[in-house]
Amino acid sequence: MRFESPRNKSVSPRTRRLRLVGALGAVLAAALVTGCGQDSGGTSSATSEAAKVMPNQSTSPSSSVSGSPTSTAQLTEDQAKRKETLSAVKVTFSKAATTAVGEVSGGKLTELELEGVDDSSSSASPSADASGSASPSASASASPGGSTSPSPSGSSAGPQWKAEVVEENGTAHIVTIDAVSGKVLDSKPDDDQSESDKQQMADRIAKAKQTPQQAAKVATDKKKGTVTSVKLDENDSQALVWQVDVVTEDWKKTTFDVDADNGKITNEEVDND
């Protein structure tokens, strides 16, 4: 026969419930401690896994960063130069043409070029490096001499329009215009002209029925863009034409030959550089 201890008999139901709750609390506490240990282990394992993956991920941000300016990265040297120069220009071809002609009484515009847009113009004059922007060569040449600007004729360190305006007798004048402010930086006769040069220029302006502004419109009607150069010259067939350079939104340049007599396009050439 089994006897229960009087001590056990004296335990009330409420006490049993408290003991049961205490036991459950101990079990939960142990489970939490075990879980924390597992979490820390999981974190360390996740960290080690991330360390394995990070080298691969470190290449993807750089590719995405380099991918963001792909349009700039894919530009050629000439295209980048055009973009840099034209981004700073405030004075349009039309305004520069009007300003240039106003400097020479009775003169006619035979050439107007935005310097610094292409290699040909940048290498033609020492001010072309400064015309694109603050180029290394310009800043380097300025620093050894102190604060004195090396630019001739008081030209500014910014983009410039260079114009040739011819009198009726063929005498040419070179007019330099700030392409940002529109101010005339220099205006003087072309001292390098010979008498035969003057006669040739007089003959050309007498024969040209189309104005440079009309030729520029013909070109931009054919291909939308910014006019950066217009020049009265003869083509390979000895026909008098206006050679018009138009830079399109992809920073490529198209050169049009516009007949100076009838205003028709006789040739079109795209420069993909």
Protein backbone atom coordinates (compact mmCIF):
# COMPACT_ATOMS: atom_id res chain seq x y z
CA MET A 1 0.00 0.00 0.00
CA ARG A 2 1.41 3.46 -1.01
CA PHE A 3 1.29 6.38 1.33
CA GLU A 4 1.61 10.00 0.18
CA SER A 5 3.70 12.30 2.21
CA PRO A 6 1.74 14.76 4.31
CA ARG A 7 4.03 17.44 2.86
CA ASN A 8 2.76 16.80 -0.69
CA LYS A 9 -0.80 16.75 0.46
CA SER A 10 -0.45 20.19 1.92
CA VAL A 11 0.49 21.81 -1.46
CA SER A 12 -2.37 23.96 -2.71
CA PRO A 13 -3.52 24.13 -6.38
CA ARG A 14 -2.37 27.77 -6.55
CA THR A 15 1.15 26.77 -5.52
CA ARG A 16 1.22 24.07 -8.17
CA ARG A 17 0.26 26.63 -10.81
CA LEU A 18 3.05 28.98 -9.69
CA ARG A 19 5.57 26.16 -9.82
CA LEU A 20 4.38 25.22 -13.30
CA VAL A 21 4.71 28.82 -14.48
CA GLY A 22 8.20 29.01 -13.01
CA ALA A 23 9.23 25.85 -14.79
CA LEU A 24 7.87 27.12 -18.07
CA GLY A 25 9.74 30.41 -17.57
CA ALA A 26 12.98 28.54 -17.04
CA VAL A 27 12.42 26.55 -20.21
CA LEU A 28 11.69 29.73 -22.20
CA ALA A 29 14.77 31.45 -20.82
CA ALA A 30 16.93 28.53 -21.83
CA ALA A 31 15.37 28.57 -25.27
CA LEU A 32 16.09 32.29 -25.64
CA VAL A 33 19.71 31.82 -24.62
CA THR A 34 20.05 29.01 -27.11
CA GLY A 35 18.38 31.11 -29.82
CA CYS A 36 20.72 34.04 -29.22
CA GLY A 37 23.66 31.76 -29.56
CA GLN A 38 22.26 30.45 -32.80
CA ASP A 39 21.60 34.00 -34.05
CA SER A 40 25.16 35.03 -33.36
CA GLY A 41 26.39 31.99 -35.12
CA GLY A 42 24.03 32.70 -38.01
CA THR A 43 25.27 36.30 -38.16
CA SER A 44 28.88 35.23 -38.26
CA SER A 45 28.14 32.69 -40.94
CA ALA A 46 26.18 35.32 -42.89
CA THR A 47 29.12 37.70 -42.52
CA SER A 48 31.52 35.11 -43.83
CA GLU A 49 29.17 34.46 -46.74
CA ALA A 50 28.94 38.20 -47.45
CA ALA A 51 32.70 38.42 -47.40
CA LYS A 52 32.79 35.84 -50.14
CA VAL A 53 30.23 37.73 -52.21
CA MET A 54 31.52 41.29 -51.68
CA PRO A 55 34.45 41.08 -54.09
CA ASN A 56 31.99 40.24 -56.87
CA GLN A 57 29.64 43.03 -55.77
CA SER A 58 32.44 45.56 -55.65
CA THR A 59 32.78 45.30 -59.40
CA SER A 60 29.08 45.89 -60.05
CA PRO A 61 28.90 49.37 -58.40
CA SER A 62 31.88 50.53 -60.40
CA SER A 63 30.31 49.29 -63.58
CA SER A 64 27.07 51.04 -62.72
CA VAL A 65 28.93 54.24 -61.89
CA SER A 66 30.91 54.06 -65.08
CA GLY A 67 27.69 53.21 -66.85
CA SER A 68 25.97 56.41 -65.73
CA PRO A 69 28.22 58.73 -67.77
CA THR A 70 28.51 56.35 -70.70
CA SER A 71 27.39 59.09 -73.05
CA THR A 72 30.42 61.15 -72.03
CA ALA A 73 32.74 58.15 -71.91
CA GLN A 74 31.78 57.11 -75.43
CA LEU A 75 32.38 60.55 -76.95
CA THR A 76 35.43 60.99 -79.13
CA GLU A 77 37.97 63.67 -78.28
CA ASP A 78 36.51 66.03 -80.89
CA GLN A 79 32.93 65.40 -79.74
CA ALA A 80 33.87 66.03 -76.12
CA LYS A 81 35.55 69.28 -77.15
CA ARG A 82 32.45 70.41 -79.03
CA LYS A 83 30.24 69.59 -76.07
CA GLU A 84 32.48 71.44 -73.64
CA THR A 85 32.75 74.52 -75.83
CA LEU A 86 29.11 74.77 -76.90
CA SER A 87 27.92 74.29 -73.33
CA ALA A 88 29.59 77.61 -72.47
CA VAL A 89 28.44 79.57 -75.53
CA LYS A 90 25.71 82.17 -75.01
CA VAL A 91 26.01 84.13 -78.27
CA THR A 92 24.53 82.42 -81.31
CA PHE A 93 25.94 82.47 -84.81
CA SER A 94 23.28 84.96 -85.92
CA LYS A 95 24.03 87.43 -83.14
CA ALA A 96 27.78 87.14 -83.67
CA ALA A 97 27.33 87.75 -87.41
CA THR A 98 25.33 90.91 -86.77
CA THR A 99 27.92 92.17 -84.29
CA ALA A 100 30.83 91.46 -86.63
CA VAL A 101 29.27 93.25 -89.62
CA GLY A 102 28.50 96.23 -87.41
CA GLU A 103 32.22 96.70 -86.81
CA VAL A 104 33.02 97.36 -90.49
CA SER A 105 31.04 100.03 -92.30
CA GLY A 106 29.60 98.61 -95.51
CA GLY A 107 31.33 95.28 -94.91
CA LYS A 108 30.02 91.82 -95.70
CA LEU A 109 30.60 88.72 -93.64
CA THR A 110 32.64 86.07 -95.47
CA GLU A 111 33.62 83.86 -92.55
CA LEU A 112 32.53 83.26 -88.97
CA GLU A 113 33.90 80.44 -86.86
CA LEU A 114 33.50 79.40 -83.25
CA GLU A 115 37.02 78.69 -82.07
CA GLY A 116 37.84 75.66 -79.95
CA VAL A 117 35.16 73.42 -81.47
CA ASP A 118 37.48 71.36 -83.67
CA ASP A 119 41.19 70.56 -83.80
CA SER A 120 41.66 72.67 -86.91
CA SER A 121 40.55 75.82 -85.15
CA SER A 122 42.25 75.00 -81.87
CA SER A 123 45.62 74.53 -83.53
CA ALA A 124 45.23 77.56 -85.76
CA SER A 125 45.56 80.18 -83.06
CA PRO A 126 47.09 80.33 -79.57
CA SER A 127 43.82 81.56 -78.09
CA ALA A 128 41.93 78.42 -79.13
CA ASP A 129 42.90 76.44 -76.04
CA ALA A 130 41.38 79.14 -73.91
CA SER A 131 38.32 79.30 -76.11
CA GLY A 132 37.19 75.80 -75.20
CA SER A 133 37.39 76.32 -71.45
CA ALA A 134 40.06 76.61 -68.83
CA SER A 135 42.38 74.17 -70.57
CA PRO A 136 45.57 72.85 -68.94
CA SER A 137 47.75 74.57 -71.52
CA ALA A 138 46.09 77.91 -70.90
CA SER A 139 46.39 77.69 -67.15
CA ALA A 140 49.94 76.43 -67.40
CA SER A 141 51.00 79.26 -69.64
CA ALA A 142 49.35 81.78 -67.37
CA SER A 143 50.83 80.55 -64.09
CA PRO A 144 54.55 80.98 -64.88
CA GLY A 145 53.92 84.58 -65.87
CA GLY A 146 51.97 85.34 -62.71
CA SER A 147 48.50 86.76 -62.96
CA THR A 148 49.05 88.34 -66.36
CA SER A 149 46.83 86.79 -69.04
CA PRO A 150 48.74 85.40 -72.04
CA SER A 151 45.76 85.91 -74.36
CA PRO A 152 46.42 88.37 -77.17
CA SER A 153 44.34 91.48 -77.85
CA GLY A 154 42.79 91.31 -74.41
CA SER A 155 40.76 88.20 -75.23
CA SER A 156 38.98 86.41 -72.42
CA ALA A 157 39.54 82.84 -71.31
CA GLY A 158 36.30 81.64 -72.88
CA PRO A 159 34.79 80.65 -76.23
CA GLN A 160 35.18 83.19 -79.04
CA TRP A 161 33.74 83.86 -82.46
CA LYS A 162 36.33 84.79 -85.08
CA ALA A 163 34.88 86.69 -88.04
CA GLU A 164 36.16 87.93 -91.37
CA VAL A 165 34.29 90.97 -92.69
CA VAL A 166 35.22 92.29 -96.16
CA GLU A 167 34.79 95.76 -97.55
CA GLU A 168 33.55 96.31 -101.09
CA ASN A 169 37.14 96.77 -102.32
CA GLY A 170 38.13 93.40 -100.85
CA THR A 171 39.89 94.62 -97.70
CA ALA A 172 39.28 92.06 -94.96
CA HIS A 173 38.89 92.82 -91.26
CA ILE A 174 39.28 90.27 -88.48
CA VAL A 175 36.76 90.70 -85.67
CA THR A 176 36.94 88.67 -82.44
CA ILE A 177 33.79 88.41 -80.34
CA ASP A 178 33.34 86.98 -76.85
CA ALA A 179 30.90 84.09 -77.30
CA VAL A 180 29.56 84.48 -73.76
CA SER A 181 29.08 88.23 -73.35
CA GLY A 182 28.87 89.21 -77.02
CA LYS A 183 31.46 91.96 -76.59
CA VAL A 184 33.93 92.75 -79.36
CA LEU A 185 37.38 91.80 -78.12
CA ASP A 186 39.34 92.91 -81.18
CA SER A 187 38.75 94.37 -84.62
CA LYS A 188 41.53 95.10 -87.10
CA PRO A 189 42.38 94.88 -90.83
CA ASP A 190 44.03 91.72 -92.09
CA ASP A 191 47.61 92.85 -92.67
CA ASP A 192 48.50 89.62 -94.47
CA GLN A 193 46.32 90.38 -97.49
CA SER A 194 47.97 90.90 -100.85
CA GLU A 195 46.41 92.91 -103.68
CA SER A 196 45.42 89.68 -105.44
CA ASP A 197 43.77 88.47 -102.23
CA LYS A 198 41.74 91.67 -102.03
CA GLN A 199 40.65 91.33 -105.64
CA GLN A 200 39.61 87.74 -105.06
CA MET A 201 37.57 88.69 -102.00
CA ALA A 202 35.92 91.59 -103.84
CA ASP A 203 34.92 89.24 -106.66
CA ARG A 204 33.48 86.68 -104.27
CA ILE A 205 31.29 89.03 -102.27
CA ALA A 206 30.01 90.52 -105.55
CA LYS A 207 29.03 87.08 -106.88
CA ALA A 208 27.47 85.69 -103.71
CA LYS A 209 23.71 86.19 -103.86
CA GLN A 210 23.05 84.14 -100.72
CA THR A 211 23.92 85.66 -97.35
CA PRO A 212 25.70 83.59 -94.69
CA GLN A 213 22.54 83.70 -92.58
CA GLN A 214 20.51 82.26 -95.46
CA ALA A 215 23.06 79.51 -96.00
CA ALA A 216 23.02 78.67 -92.29
CA LYS A 217 19.23 78.36 -92.36
CA VAL A 218 19.36 76.05 -95.37
CA ALA A 219 21.79 73.80 -93.50
CA THR A 220 19.86 73.71 -90.21
CA ASP A 221 16.60 73.11 -92.07
CA LYS A 222 18.22 69.99 -93.49
CA LYS A 223 19.74 68.90 -90.18
CA LYS A 224 18.78 70.42 -86.84
CA GLY A 225 21.75 71.59 -84.81
CA THR A 226 24.05 74.47 -83.87
CA VAL A 227 25.93 76.42 -86.52
CA THR A 228 29.59 76.68 -85.53
CA SER A 229 31.19 77.87 -88.78
CA VAL A 230 30.24 79.54 -92.06
CA LYS A 231 32.77 80.35 -94.77
CA LEU A 232 32.55 81.66 -98.33
CA ASP A 233 34.86 79.57 -100.50
CA GLU A 234 35.14 77.63 -103.72
CA ASN A 235 34.53 73.88 -103.81
CA ASP A 236 36.46 71.31 -105.82
CA SER A 237 34.46 72.26 -108.91
CA GLN A 238 35.44 75.91 -108.48
CA ALA A 239 31.85 76.81 -107.68
CA LEU A 240 31.31 79.49 -105.04
CA VAL A 241 29.68 77.97 -101.95
CA TRP A 242 29.01 78.68 -98.33
CA GLN A 243 30.58 75.92 -96.23
CA VAL A 244 28.39 75.54 -93.15
CA ASP A 245 29.30 73.42 -90.12
CA VAL A 246 26.39 72.17 -87.99
CA VAL A 247 26.93 70.30 -84.71
CA THR A 248 24.02 68.00 -83.91
CA GLU A 249 22.79 66.89 -80.49
CA ASP A 250 25.05 63.82 -80.59
CA TRP A 251 28.01 66.26 -80.89
CA LYS A 252 28.88 65.10 -84.39
CA LYS A 253 29.59 67.69 -87.07
CA THR A 254 28.05 67.89 -90.53
CA THR A 255 29.55 70.17 -93.18
CA PHE A 256 27.22 71.41 -95.90
CA ASP A 257 28.18 73.08 -99.16
CA VAL A 258 25.44 75.57 -99.97
CA ASP A 259 25.55 77.11 -103.42
CA ALA A 260 26.18 80.84 -102.93
CA ASP A 261 24.08 81.61 -106.00
CA ASN A 262 20.90 79.56 -105.64
CA GLY A 263 21.06 78.37 -102.02
CA LYS A 264 20.90 74.66 -102.84
CA ILE A 265 22.91 72.07 -100.93
CA THR A 266 25.53 70.59 -103.25
CA ASN A 267 27.39 68.43 -100.75
CA GLU A 268 26.95 67.03 -97.26
CA GLU A 269 29.65 65.36 -95.19
CA VAL A 270 29.34 63.97 -91.67
CA ASP A 271 32.34 63.97 -89.34
CA ASN A 272 31.88 61.05 -86.94
CA ASP A 273 34.98 61.94 -84.92
